[in-house]
N, C-alpha and C. Protein backbone atom coordinates (compact mmCIF):
# COMPACT_ATOMS: atom_id res chain seq x y z
N MET A 1 171.66 11.61 50.69
CA MET A 1 172.06 10.33 50.87
C MET A 1 170.53 9.66 52.01
N THR A 2 169.31 9.09 51.10
CA THR A 2 168.72 8.73 52.48
C THR A 2 168.68 8.06 53.57
N GLY A 3 167.61 7.51 55.10
CA GLY A 3 168.49 7.08 56.17
C GLY A 3 168.33 5.39 55.61
N GLU A 4 168.24 5.19 54.53
CA GLU A 4 168.08 3.93 54.39
C GLU A 4 169.57 3.52 53.30
N GLY A 5 169.84 4.25 53.05
CA GLY A 5 170.71 4.74 51.97
C GLY A 5 172.33 5.17 52.66
N SER A 6 172.06 5.92 53.66
CA SER A 6 173.20 5.51 54.65
C SER A 6 173.03 4.26 55.37
N PHE A 7 172.50 3.70 55.58
CA PHE A 7 172.20 2.34 56.82
C PHE A 7 173.25 1.43 55.91
N GLN A 8 172.73 1.31 54.25
CA GLN A 8 173.26 0.29 53.66
C GLN A 8 174.41 0.98 53.15
N ALA A 9 174.81 1.83 52.82
CA ALA A 9 176.17 2.50 52.50
C ALA A 9 176.70 1.85 53.76
N LYS A 10 177.06 2.81 54.91
CA LYS A 10 177.78 1.98 56.02
C LYS A 10 178.09 0.98 56.49
N ALA A 11 176.62 0.04 55.84
CA ALA A 11 177.20 -2.52 56.62
C ALA A 11 177.53 -2.43 55.50
N ALA A 12 177.76 -1.72 53.76
CA ALA A 12 178.60 -2.09 53.33
C ALA A 12 180.34 -2.04 53.65
N GLY A 13 180.54 -0.82 53.90
CA GLY A 13 181.79 0.05 54.42
C GLY A 13 182.28 -1.09 55.39
N GLN A 14 181.43 -1.38 56.44
CA GLN A 14 182.03 -2.20 57.59
C GLN A 14 182.51 -3.56 57.03
N LEU A 15 181.59 -4.31 56.16
CA LEU A 15 181.47 -5.14 55.27
C LEU A 15 183.03 -5.70 54.75
N ILE A 16 183.05 -4.40 54.10
CA ILE A 16 184.32 -5.21 52.86
C ILE A 16 186.17 -4.30 53.30
N LEU A 17 185.81 -3.82 55.38
CA LEU A 17 186.86 -2.81 55.77
C LEU A 17 187.48 -4.76 56.40
N LEU A 18 185.43 -5.31 57.17
CA LEU A 18 186.48 -6.71 57.71
C LEU A 18 186.88 -7.34 56.70
N TRP A 19 186.36 -8.27 55.76
CA TRP A 19 187.25 -8.61 53.98
C TRP A 19 188.45 -8.32 54.57
N VAL A 20 188.82 -6.89 54.30
CA VAL A 20 190.38 -7.03 53.76
C VAL A 20 190.79 -6.73 55.23
N GLY A 21 190.45 -6.54 55.72
CA GLY A 21 191.00 -6.91 57.04
C GLY A 21 191.21 -8.67 57.68
N LEU A 22 189.93 -9.15 57.14
CA LEU A 22 190.65 -10.73 57.40
C LEU A 22 192.01 -11.42 56.66
N LEU A 23 191.79 -10.11 55.56
CA LEU A 23 192.79 -11.29 54.46
C LEU A 23 194.75 -10.49 54.62
N TRP A 24 194.46 -9.52 55.22
CA TRP A 24 195.54 -9.35 56.05
C TRP A 24 196.10 -9.98 57.37
N VAL A 25 194.92 -9.78 58.21
CA VAL A 25 194.97 -10.72 59.41
C VAL A 25 195.67 -12.42 59.16
N LEU A 26 195.01 -12.95 57.85
CA LEU A 26 195.80 -14.15 57.43
C LEU A 26 196.67 -14.07 57.41
N GLU A 27 197.13 -13.14 55.43
CA GLU A 27 199.18 -12.85 55.19
C GLU A 27 199.92 -12.68 56.57
N ALA A 28 199.07 -12.29 57.82
CA ALA A 28 200.61 -12.26 58.47
C ALA A 28 200.88 -13.34 59.32
N VAL A 29 199.52 -13.93 59.84
CA VAL A 29 199.48 -15.24 59.73
C VAL A 29 200.53 -16.20 59.64
N ASP A 30 199.99 -16.69 58.33
CA ASP A 30 201.18 -16.75 57.06
C ASP A 30 203.22 -16.52 57.50
N GLN A 31 202.64 -15.31 57.32
CA GLN A 31 204.50 -15.02 57.51
C GLN A 31 204.60 -15.26 58.36
N LEU A 32 204.48 -15.51 59.69
CA LEU A 32 205.04 -15.53 61.31
C LEU A 32 204.82 -17.07 61.08
N THR A 33 203.97 -17.80 60.26
CA THR A 33 204.62 -19.39 60.59
C THR A 33 205.46 -20.15 59.04
N GLY A 34 205.97 -18.71 59.01
CA GLY A 34 206.94 -19.24 58.10
C GLY A 34 206.26 -19.90 56.47
N ASN A 35 204.68 -19.08 56.45
CA ASN A 35 203.63 -19.67 54.60
C ASN A 35 202.89 -21.13 54.57
N SER A 36 203.11 -21.14 56.46
CA SER A 36 202.38 -22.53 55.90
C SER A 36 200.93 -22.42 55.96
N LEU A 37 200.80 -20.52 55.37
CA LEU A 37 199.20 -20.90 54.92
C LEU A 37 198.78 -21.40 53.32
N ASP A 38 199.74 -21.28 52.82
CA ASP A 38 199.92 -21.15 51.35
C ASP A 38 199.51 -22.53 50.90
N SER A 39 199.34 -24.16 52.28
CA SER A 39 199.03 -24.76 51.50
C SER A 39 197.57 -24.94 50.88
N PHE A 40 196.92 -24.48 51.42
CA PHE A 40 195.42 -23.91 50.83
C PHE A 40 195.37 -22.96 49.50
N GLY A 41 196.82 -22.57 49.02
CA GLY A 41 196.26 -22.84 47.84
C GLY A 41 195.41 -23.98 46.48
N ILE A 42 194.89 -23.64 45.50
CA ILE A 42 194.45 -24.18 44.49
C ILE A 42 195.64 -24.75 43.56
N GLN A 43 195.83 -26.78 43.72
CA GLN A 43 196.42 -27.29 43.19
C GLN A 43 196.04 -28.21 41.98
N PRO A 44 195.66 -28.03 41.06
CA PRO A 44 195.22 -28.31 39.64
C PRO A 44 194.73 -30.10 39.65
N ARG A 45 193.29 -30.59 39.31
CA ARG A 45 193.49 -31.78 39.07
C ARG A 45 194.05 -32.65 40.15
N ARG A 46 193.30 -32.26 41.74
CA ARG A 46 193.44 -33.94 42.87
C ARG A 46 192.26 -33.40 43.69
N THR A 47 191.30 -34.25 43.30
CA THR A 47 190.20 -34.69 44.23
C THR A 47 190.28 -33.71 45.59
N SER A 48 191.49 -33.76 46.23
CA SER A 48 191.47 -33.70 47.91
C SER A 48 191.54 -31.93 47.87
N GLU A 49 191.49 -31.30 46.91
CA GLU A 49 192.17 -30.26 46.51
C GLU A 49 190.77 -28.92 46.87
N LEU A 50 190.12 -30.20 46.25
CA LEU A 50 188.88 -28.97 45.88
C LEU A 50 188.15 -28.14 47.44
N VAL A 51 188.56 -28.67 48.22
CA VAL A 51 188.40 -28.57 49.10
C VAL A 51 188.88 -27.02 49.43
N ASP A 52 189.59 -26.59 49.20
CA ASP A 52 190.15 -25.83 49.14
C ASP A 52 190.49 -24.05 47.96
N ILE A 53 189.28 -24.49 47.85
CA ILE A 53 189.16 -23.74 46.29
C ILE A 53 188.34 -21.57 47.14
N VAL A 54 187.71 -22.30 47.42
CA VAL A 54 186.78 -20.81 48.88
C VAL A 54 188.24 -20.60 49.81
N PRO A 55 189.31 -21.69 50.73
CA PRO A 55 190.64 -21.37 51.21
C PRO A 55 190.86 -20.34 50.14
N ALA A 56 191.18 -19.94 49.54
CA ALA A 56 191.86 -19.85 48.35
C ALA A 56 192.45 -18.95 48.37
N SER A 57 191.52 -18.13 47.72
CA SER A 57 190.15 -16.86 47.71
C SER A 57 190.83 -16.06 48.86
N PHE A 58 191.56 -16.03 50.38
CA PHE A 58 191.52 -15.49 51.33
C PHE A 58 193.24 -15.65 51.64
N MET A 59 193.33 -16.22 50.35
CA MET A 59 195.49 -16.21 51.05
C MET A 59 196.08 -15.22 49.93
N HIS A 60 197.08 -15.06 50.46
CA HIS A 60 198.44 -14.92 49.59
C HIS A 60 199.73 -14.95 49.78
N PHE A 61 200.50 -14.76 48.62
CA PHE A 61 201.48 -15.36 48.47
C PHE A 61 202.93 -13.97 48.24
N GLY A 62 202.09 -13.55 50.12
CA GLY A 62 203.40 -11.90 50.10
C GLY A 62 202.26 -10.99 50.68
N PHE A 63 202.51 -9.98 51.71
CA PHE A 63 201.85 -8.67 51.71
C PHE A 63 202.51 -8.01 49.94
N GLU A 64 203.16 -8.23 49.69
CA GLU A 64 203.48 -8.17 47.88
C GLU A 64 201.85 -7.69 47.07
N HIS A 65 202.40 -8.76 46.65
CA HIS A 65 200.66 -9.62 46.57
C HIS A 65 199.58 -8.96 46.95
N LEU A 66 199.28 -9.07 48.57
CA LEU A 66 197.81 -9.11 48.70
C LEU A 66 197.96 -7.23 48.64
N MET A 67 198.34 -6.05 48.57
CA MET A 67 198.55 -5.14 48.55
C MET A 67 197.96 -4.38 46.56
N ALA A 68 198.10 -5.49 46.04
CA ALA A 68 197.42 -5.37 44.52
C ALA A 68 196.23 -5.32 44.95
N ASN A 69 196.14 -6.72 45.44
CA ASN A 69 194.57 -6.46 45.87
C ASN A 69 193.81 -6.02 46.81
N THR A 70 194.35 -4.93 47.46
CA THR A 70 193.30 -4.51 48.67
C THR A 70 193.23 -3.27 48.34
N LEU A 71 193.41 -2.23 46.74
CA LEU A 71 192.39 -1.30 46.65
C LEU A 71 190.98 -1.65 45.86
N PRO A 72 191.37 -2.39 45.05
CA PRO A 72 190.14 -2.70 43.64
C PRO A 72 189.67 -3.81 44.84
N LEU A 73 189.70 -4.56 45.66
CA LEU A 73 188.87 -5.33 46.56
C LEU A 73 188.09 -4.33 47.22
N LEU A 74 188.49 -3.08 47.92
CA LEU A 74 188.13 -2.26 48.55
C LEU A 74 187.06 -1.44 47.57
N VAL A 75 187.58 -0.66 47.14
CA VAL A 75 185.77 -0.01 45.77
C VAL A 75 185.12 -0.65 45.08
N LEU A 76 186.34 -1.46 44.22
CA LEU A 76 184.70 -2.38 43.37
C LEU A 76 184.04 -3.30 44.46
N GLY A 77 184.44 -3.99 45.94
CA GLY A 77 183.83 -4.46 47.04
C GLY A 77 182.68 -3.46 47.85
N PHE A 78 183.22 -2.73 47.67
CA PHE A 78 181.75 -1.24 48.59
C PHE A 78 181.07 -1.14 47.01
N MET A 79 181.42 -1.00 45.98
CA MET A 79 180.05 -0.22 44.96
C MET A 79 179.13 -2.32 44.97
N ALA A 80 180.06 -3.08 45.35
CA ALA A 80 178.61 -4.26 44.71
C ALA A 80 178.21 -4.21 46.22
N ALA A 81 178.40 -4.42 47.36
CA ALA A 81 178.15 -4.52 48.74
C ALA A 81 176.62 -3.69 48.85
N LEU A 82 177.33 -1.97 48.05
CA LEU A 82 175.71 -1.15 48.43
C LEU A 82 174.03 -1.66 48.47
N ARG A 83 174.05 -2.98 47.73
CA ARG A 83 172.99 -2.94 47.35
C ARG A 83 172.74 -3.43 48.24
N GLY A 84 173.13 -4.75 49.02
CA GLY A 84 173.01 -5.30 50.02
C GLY A 84 173.67 -6.06 50.26
N THR A 85 173.98 -6.58 51.34
CA THR A 85 175.43 -7.45 51.97
C THR A 85 174.98 -8.75 51.40
N GLY A 86 173.79 -9.33 51.96
CA GLY A 86 173.61 -10.77 51.46
C GLY A 86 173.74 -10.83 50.00
N ARG A 87 173.02 -9.89 49.24
CA ARG A 87 173.41 -10.54 47.83
C ARG A 87 174.33 -9.90 46.67
N PHE A 88 175.65 -9.33 47.92
CA PHE A 88 177.18 -9.49 47.84
C PHE A 88 177.80 -10.49 47.94
N LEU A 89 177.44 -10.70 49.44
CA LEU A 89 177.51 -12.59 49.86
C LEU A 89 177.28 -13.08 49.10
N LEU A 90 176.32 -13.61 48.19
CA LEU A 90 175.96 -14.61 47.13
C LEU A 90 176.92 -14.18 45.90
N VAL A 91 177.13 -13.55 45.93
CA VAL A 91 178.04 -12.49 44.54
C VAL A 91 179.24 -13.03 45.08
N ALA A 92 179.82 -12.75 46.05
CA ALA A 92 181.43 -13.29 46.26
C ALA A 92 181.12 -15.15 45.91
N LEU A 93 180.54 -15.87 46.28
CA LEU A 93 180.44 -16.48 47.15
C LEU A 93 180.27 -17.48 45.32
N THR A 94 179.69 -17.17 44.99
CA THR A 94 179.63 -17.33 43.02
C THR A 94 181.04 -17.27 42.56
N ILE A 95 181.48 -16.01 42.66
CA ILE A 95 182.72 -15.57 42.12
C ILE A 95 183.56 -16.65 42.09
N ILE A 96 183.56 -17.07 43.79
CA ILE A 96 185.21 -17.58 43.97
C ILE A 96 184.76 -19.57 43.77
N ILE A 97 183.57 -19.20 43.70
CA ILE A 97 183.63 -21.22 43.48
C ILE A 97 183.53 -21.05 41.97
N VAL A 98 183.28 -19.99 40.59
CA VAL A 98 183.45 -20.44 39.41
C VAL A 98 185.17 -20.41 39.17
N SER A 99 185.61 -19.23 40.13
CA SER A 99 186.85 -18.62 39.26
C SER A 99 187.44 -19.97 40.21
N GLY A 100 187.68 -20.12 41.12
CA GLY A 100 188.06 -21.85 41.58
C GLY A 100 187.96 -22.91 41.21
N LEU A 101 187.52 -23.55 40.56
CA LEU A 101 186.95 -24.66 39.35
C LEU A 101 187.05 -24.30 38.32
N GLY A 102 187.19 -23.12 37.78
CA GLY A 102 188.24 -22.27 37.18
C GLY A 102 190.07 -23.05 37.01
N VAL A 103 190.21 -22.51 37.56
CA VAL A 103 191.57 -23.36 38.42
C VAL A 103 192.02 -23.47 38.34
N TRP A 104 191.32 -24.91 38.93
CA TRP A 104 191.20 -26.71 39.93
C TRP A 104 191.31 -26.85 38.20
N VAL A 105 190.37 -26.60 37.56
CA VAL A 105 190.43 -27.21 35.84
C VAL A 105 191.64 -27.34 35.05
N THR A 106 192.29 -25.94 34.85
CA THR A 106 192.94 -25.60 33.90
C THR A 106 194.04 -25.06 34.45
N ALA A 107 194.47 -24.68 35.49
CA ALA A 107 195.83 -24.03 35.62
C ALA A 107 196.92 -25.31 35.30
N PRO A 108 198.42 -25.15 35.47
CA PRO A 108 198.88 -25.64 34.90
C PRO A 108 199.32 -26.74 36.10
N GLU A 109 199.88 -28.26 35.51
CA GLU A 109 200.45 -28.90 36.50
C GLU A 109 201.85 -28.67 37.23
N GLN A 110 201.40 -29.10 39.14
CA GLN A 110 202.67 -28.64 40.14
C GLN A 110 202.06 -27.07 40.13
N SER A 111 201.28 -26.36 39.84
CA SER A 111 201.53 -24.84 40.29
C SER A 111 200.35 -24.78 41.37
N ASN A 112 200.52 -23.51 42.22
CA ASN A 112 199.95 -23.88 44.09
C ASN A 112 199.17 -21.90 43.48
N THR A 113 198.39 -21.49 43.09
CA THR A 113 196.77 -20.50 43.32
C THR A 113 196.27 -19.88 44.28
N ALA A 114 196.71 -19.13 44.68
CA ALA A 114 195.64 -18.21 45.45
C ALA A 114 195.43 -16.20 45.46
N GLY A 115 195.32 -16.26 46.25
CA GLY A 115 194.38 -14.50 46.07
C GLY A 115 193.33 -14.19 46.10
N ALA A 116 192.75 -12.96 45.99
CA ALA A 116 191.74 -12.48 45.80
C ALA A 116 191.87 -11.48 44.61
N SER A 117 192.67 -11.86 43.71
CA SER A 117 192.82 -11.78 42.27
C SER A 117 191.39 -11.84 41.25
N GLY A 118 190.92 -12.69 41.90
CA GLY A 118 189.66 -14.17 40.82
C GLY A 118 188.13 -12.82 41.64
N VAL A 119 188.44 -12.83 42.48
CA VAL A 119 187.12 -12.18 43.17
C VAL A 119 186.51 -10.88 42.46
N VAL A 120 188.00 -10.10 42.28
CA VAL A 120 188.26 -8.80 41.89
C VAL A 120 187.96 -8.30 40.92
N PHE A 121 188.87 -9.44 39.54
CA PHE A 121 188.31 -9.72 38.38
C PHE A 121 186.19 -9.22 38.41
N GLY A 122 186.43 -10.52 39.31
CA GLY A 122 184.60 -11.12 39.24
C GLY A 122 183.54 -9.71 39.86
N LEU A 123 184.26 -9.22 40.38
CA LEU A 123 183.06 -8.14 40.98
C LEU A 123 183.72 -7.09 39.54
N PHE A 124 184.47 -6.30 38.86
CA PHE A 124 184.80 -6.02 38.08
C PHE A 124 183.55 -6.36 37.03
N GLY A 125 183.73 -7.37 36.77
CA GLY A 125 182.45 -8.11 35.39
C GLY A 125 180.93 -8.04 36.08
N TYR A 126 181.22 -8.07 37.43
CA TYR A 126 179.70 -8.16 37.96
C TYR A 126 178.68 -6.68 37.91
N LEU A 127 179.98 -5.30 38.14
CA LEU A 127 179.68 -3.61 38.06
C LEU A 127 179.41 -3.41 36.90
N VAL A 128 179.74 -4.03 35.94
CA VAL A 128 179.81 -3.66 34.37
C VAL A 128 178.63 -4.14 33.90
N VAL A 129 178.20 -5.53 34.49
CA VAL A 129 176.81 -5.93 33.45
C VAL A 129 175.93 -6.36 35.05
N ARG A 130 175.65 -5.69 35.65
CA ARG A 130 174.13 -6.06 36.49
C ARG A 130 173.59 -4.82 36.21
N GLY A 131 174.21 -3.80 35.48
CA GLY A 131 172.73 -2.85 35.14
C GLY A 131 172.13 -2.77 34.54
N PHE A 132 172.77 -3.68 33.34
CA PHE A 132 171.82 -3.56 31.87
C PHE A 132 170.84 -5.42 32.36
N VAL A 133 171.81 -6.11 33.16
CA VAL A 133 170.61 -7.15 33.46
C VAL A 133 169.36 -6.62 34.20
N ASP A 134 169.43 -5.98 35.20
CA ASP A 134 168.53 -5.08 35.73
C ASP A 134 167.19 -4.08 36.03
N ARG A 135 168.31 -3.40 34.78
CA ARG A 135 167.70 -2.86 34.05
C ARG A 135 167.71 -1.34 34.72
N ARG A 136 168.87 -1.03 35.27
CA ARG A 136 168.56 -0.21 35.98
C ARG A 136 170.08 1.58 35.97
N ILE A 137 169.63 2.98 35.23
CA ILE A 137 170.28 3.36 34.50
C ILE A 137 171.32 3.63 35.48
N THR A 138 170.90 3.95 37.13
CA THR A 138 172.17 4.59 37.63
C THR A 138 173.69 3.18 37.12
N ASP A 139 172.98 2.24 37.43
CA ASP A 139 173.92 0.68 37.66
C ASP A 139 174.71 0.86 36.34
N VAL A 140 174.10 1.10 35.14
CA VAL A 140 174.62 0.98 34.03
C VAL A 140 175.65 2.30 34.36
N ALA A 141 175.62 3.11 34.62
CA ALA A 141 176.71 4.62 34.98
C ALA A 141 177.60 4.40 35.30
N LEU A 142 177.39 3.62 36.95
CA LEU A 142 178.66 2.67 37.28
C LEU A 142 179.66 2.04 37.11
N GLY A 143 178.48 1.22 36.74
CA GLY A 143 178.82 0.16 35.26
C GLY A 143 180.26 0.85 34.85
N ALA A 144 180.03 1.72 33.83
CA ALA A 144 180.64 2.16 32.76
C ALA A 144 181.29 3.46 33.94
N VAL A 145 181.49 3.78 34.76
CA VAL A 145 182.51 3.89 35.88
C VAL A 145 183.81 3.18 36.39
N VAL A 146 183.47 2.01 36.53
CA VAL A 146 183.74 1.05 37.24
C VAL A 146 184.69 0.48 35.92
N ALA A 147 184.08 0.68 34.24
CA ALA A 147 184.35 0.01 33.04
C ALA A 147 185.96 1.23 32.74
N VAL A 148 185.43 2.69 33.22
CA VAL A 148 186.85 3.44 32.76
C VAL A 148 188.26 3.35 33.84
N LEU A 149 187.34 3.45 35.00
CA LEU A 149 188.58 3.63 36.06
C LEU A 149 189.52 1.69 36.28
N TYR A 150 188.74 1.02 36.01
CA TYR A 150 190.12 -0.09 36.15
C TYR A 150 189.78 -1.36 34.84
N GLY A 151 189.46 -0.99 32.75
CA GLY A 151 189.09 -1.73 32.77
C GLY A 151 190.63 -2.36 32.10
N SER A 152 191.43 -1.68 32.68
CA SER A 152 192.70 -1.89 32.09
C SER A 152 192.99 -3.39 32.34
N ILE A 153 192.14 -3.94 33.57
CA ILE A 153 192.86 -5.34 33.97
C ILE A 153 192.07 -5.84 33.42
N LEU A 154 191.73 -5.98 31.75
CA LEU A 154 190.70 -7.35 31.26
C LEU A 154 192.09 -7.76 31.15
N TRP A 155 193.20 -6.93 30.62
CA TRP A 155 194.71 -8.49 30.01
C TRP A 155 194.88 -8.97 31.18
N GLY A 156 194.98 -8.63 32.22
CA GLY A 156 195.59 -10.00 33.31
C GLY A 156 194.50 -11.34 33.01
N VAL A 157 193.09 -11.55 31.97
CA VAL A 157 192.24 -12.78 31.78
C VAL A 157 193.24 -12.86 30.57
N LEU A 158 194.41 -12.50 29.21
CA LEU A 158 195.30 -13.42 28.91
C LEU A 158 196.49 -13.86 29.64
N PRO A 159 197.75 -15.38 28.65
CA PRO A 159 197.89 -15.48 29.29
C PRO A 159 199.34 -15.23 28.75
N THR A 160 199.61 -13.55 29.70
CA THR A 160 200.91 -13.61 28.92
C THR A 160 201.74 -12.91 30.76
N THR A 161 201.60 -12.54 31.38
CA THR A 161 202.68 -12.85 32.77
C THR A 161 203.34 -13.69 34.00
N ALA A 162 203.99 -14.74 33.42
CA ALA A 162 204.56 -15.63 33.89
C ALA A 162 204.34 -15.90 34.97
N GLY A 163 203.93 -16.70 35.62
CA GLY A 163 203.81 -17.08 37.56
C GLY A 163 202.22 -16.02 37.68
N VAL A 164 200.70 -15.07 37.36
CA VAL A 164 200.31 -14.94 36.85
C VAL A 164 199.10 -15.83 36.96
N SER A 165 197.76 -16.04 37.85
CA SER A 165 196.88 -17.60 37.62
C SER A 165 195.60 -16.41 36.38
N TRP A 166 196.71 -16.43 34.79
CA TRP A 166 194.48 -15.62 34.02
C TRP A 166 193.63 -16.03 34.20
N GLN A 167 193.82 -18.29 34.28
CA GLN A 167 193.12 -19.07 34.77
C GLN A 167 192.21 -18.12 35.65
N GLY A 168 192.34 -17.49 36.72
CA GLY A 168 191.38 -17.41 38.14
C GLY A 168 190.87 -15.77 37.31
N HIS A 169 192.03 -14.97 36.91
CA HIS A 169 191.06 -14.13 36.49
C HIS A 169 189.75 -14.12 35.22
N LEU A 170 190.09 -15.19 34.65
CA LEU A 170 189.71 -15.59 33.45
C LEU A 170 188.16 -15.76 33.91
N PHE A 171 188.63 -17.18 34.97
CA PHE A 171 187.46 -17.66 35.25
C PHE A 171 186.34 -16.72 36.61
N GLY A 172 187.56 -15.60 37.18
CA GLY A 172 186.87 -14.43 38.13
C GLY A 172 185.95 -13.84 37.38
N LEU A 173 186.26 -13.74 35.85
CA LEU A 173 185.32 -12.44 35.75
C LEU A 173 183.87 -12.74 34.70
N ILE A 174 183.95 -14.64 34.22
CA ILE A 174 182.92 -15.88 33.53
C ILE A 174 182.07 -15.34 35.11
N GLY A 175 182.43 -15.38 36.36
CA GLY A 175 181.47 -15.75 37.29
C GLY A 175 181.38 -14.81 38.03
N GLY A 176 181.65 -13.40 37.53
CA GLY A 176 180.67 -11.87 38.07
C GLY A 176 180.03 -11.72 37.06
N VAL A 177 180.13 -12.28 35.68
CA VAL A 177 178.87 -12.16 34.91
C VAL A 177 178.19 -12.95 35.58
N LEU A 178 178.21 -14.67 35.32
CA LEU A 178 176.96 -14.94 35.88
C LEU A 178 176.08 -15.29 37.30
N ALA A 179 177.23 -14.34 38.19
CA ALA A 179 176.52 -13.99 39.49
C ALA A 179 175.54 -12.52 38.99
N ALA A 180 175.47 -11.77 37.77
CA ALA A 180 175.01 -10.42 37.57
C ALA A 180 173.07 -11.03 37.29
N PHE A 181 173.55 -12.15 36.52
CA PHE A 181 172.50 -12.68 36.31
C PHE A 181 171.30 -13.85 37.50
N MET A 182 172.54 -14.59 37.84
CA MET A 182 171.91 -15.19 38.51
C MET A 182 170.88 -14.54 40.71
N THR A 183 171.82 -13.60 40.36
CA THR A 183 170.73 -12.44 41.41
C THR A 183 170.38 -11.29 40.87
N SER A 184 169.83 -11.48 39.84
CA SER A 184 169.03 -10.43 38.93
C SER A 184 167.11 -10.45 39.34
N SER A 185 166.72 -8.82 40.31
CA SER A 185 165.28 -9.38 40.24
C SER A 185 164.65 -9.75 38.77
N ARG A 186 164.49 -11.03 38.94
CA ARG A 186 163.56 -11.85 37.06
C ARG A 186 162.49 -12.25 37.92
N PRO A 187 160.95 -11.13 37.32
CA PRO A 187 159.94 -11.04 37.27
C PRO A 187 159.18 -12.38 36.46
N THR A 188 158.03 -12.32 37.68
CA THR A 188 157.23 -13.82 37.59
C THR A 188 156.98 -14.87 36.14
N ALA A 189 156.66 -15.70 35.79
CA ALA A 189 156.11 -16.21 34.64
C ALA A 189 154.58 -15.22 33.88
N GLY A 190 154.65 -14.61 32.84
CA GLY A 190 153.58 -13.93 32.97
C GLY A 190 153.96 -12.70 33.41
N VAL A 191 154.98 -11.88 33.32
CA VAL A 191 154.45 -10.50 33.88
C VAL A 191 155.96 -10.45 33.56
N GLU A 192 154.84 -8.94 32.77
CA GLU A 192 155.87 -8.27 31.46
C GLU A 192 157.67 -7.81 32.35
N ARG A 193 158.47 -7.81 31.89
CA ARG A 193 159.49 -7.77 32.70
C ARG A 193 159.73 -6.50 32.81
N PRO A 194 160.68 -4.87 33.96
CA PRO A 194 160.05 -4.63 33.84
C PRO A 194 160.30 -3.56 33.25
N ALA A 195 160.71 -2.30 32.86
CA ALA A 195 160.91 -1.48 32.17
C ALA A 195 162.70 -0.22 32.96
N TRP A 196 163.12 0.01 31.77
CA TRP A 196 163.91 0.71 32.45
C TRP A 196 163.52 1.74 33.91
N ARG A 197 164.67 2.14 34.99
CA ARG A 197 164.37 3.01 36.03
C ARG A 197 165.43 3.02 36.61
């Protein structure tokens, strides 16, 4: 690995560890305060709840819920952040907003949705399609590995399990694909699209 590649890997690792560490700190605070942070979940179609779209992705309903998201967030987040932490933050914000708005619009009445699973699904979608959008063979190969390792999560976009926000999963996935196009290196007008590299 080159010096630049080593630096990017270190920065990516630090960012993702800080991100996941923050989730654990917040859940510890939530547990110690009688689940007081659960109010930051998204309750659909209430205008006042729009401000919770971002914080909801950092909150969880118990440590079991958080543990289910921790490993895939570490793995997929690290892979996504290897291409630059600034780009990763833009990708993550896009996923969070699209997933949160999707939940706000489509979730059932009286529900309260929180958790990082929308981000997990978004990062999965981003990594799988990024190589095709950027025309990078190495990223296509990485996306194929991600699809093999985590492809089974796609069942989570279907309304098959009570109490699980398939809406957050589905719109997170859509947000990840959208983020791949938003952050791609588009050629300027009149310049031929670069060849595969």
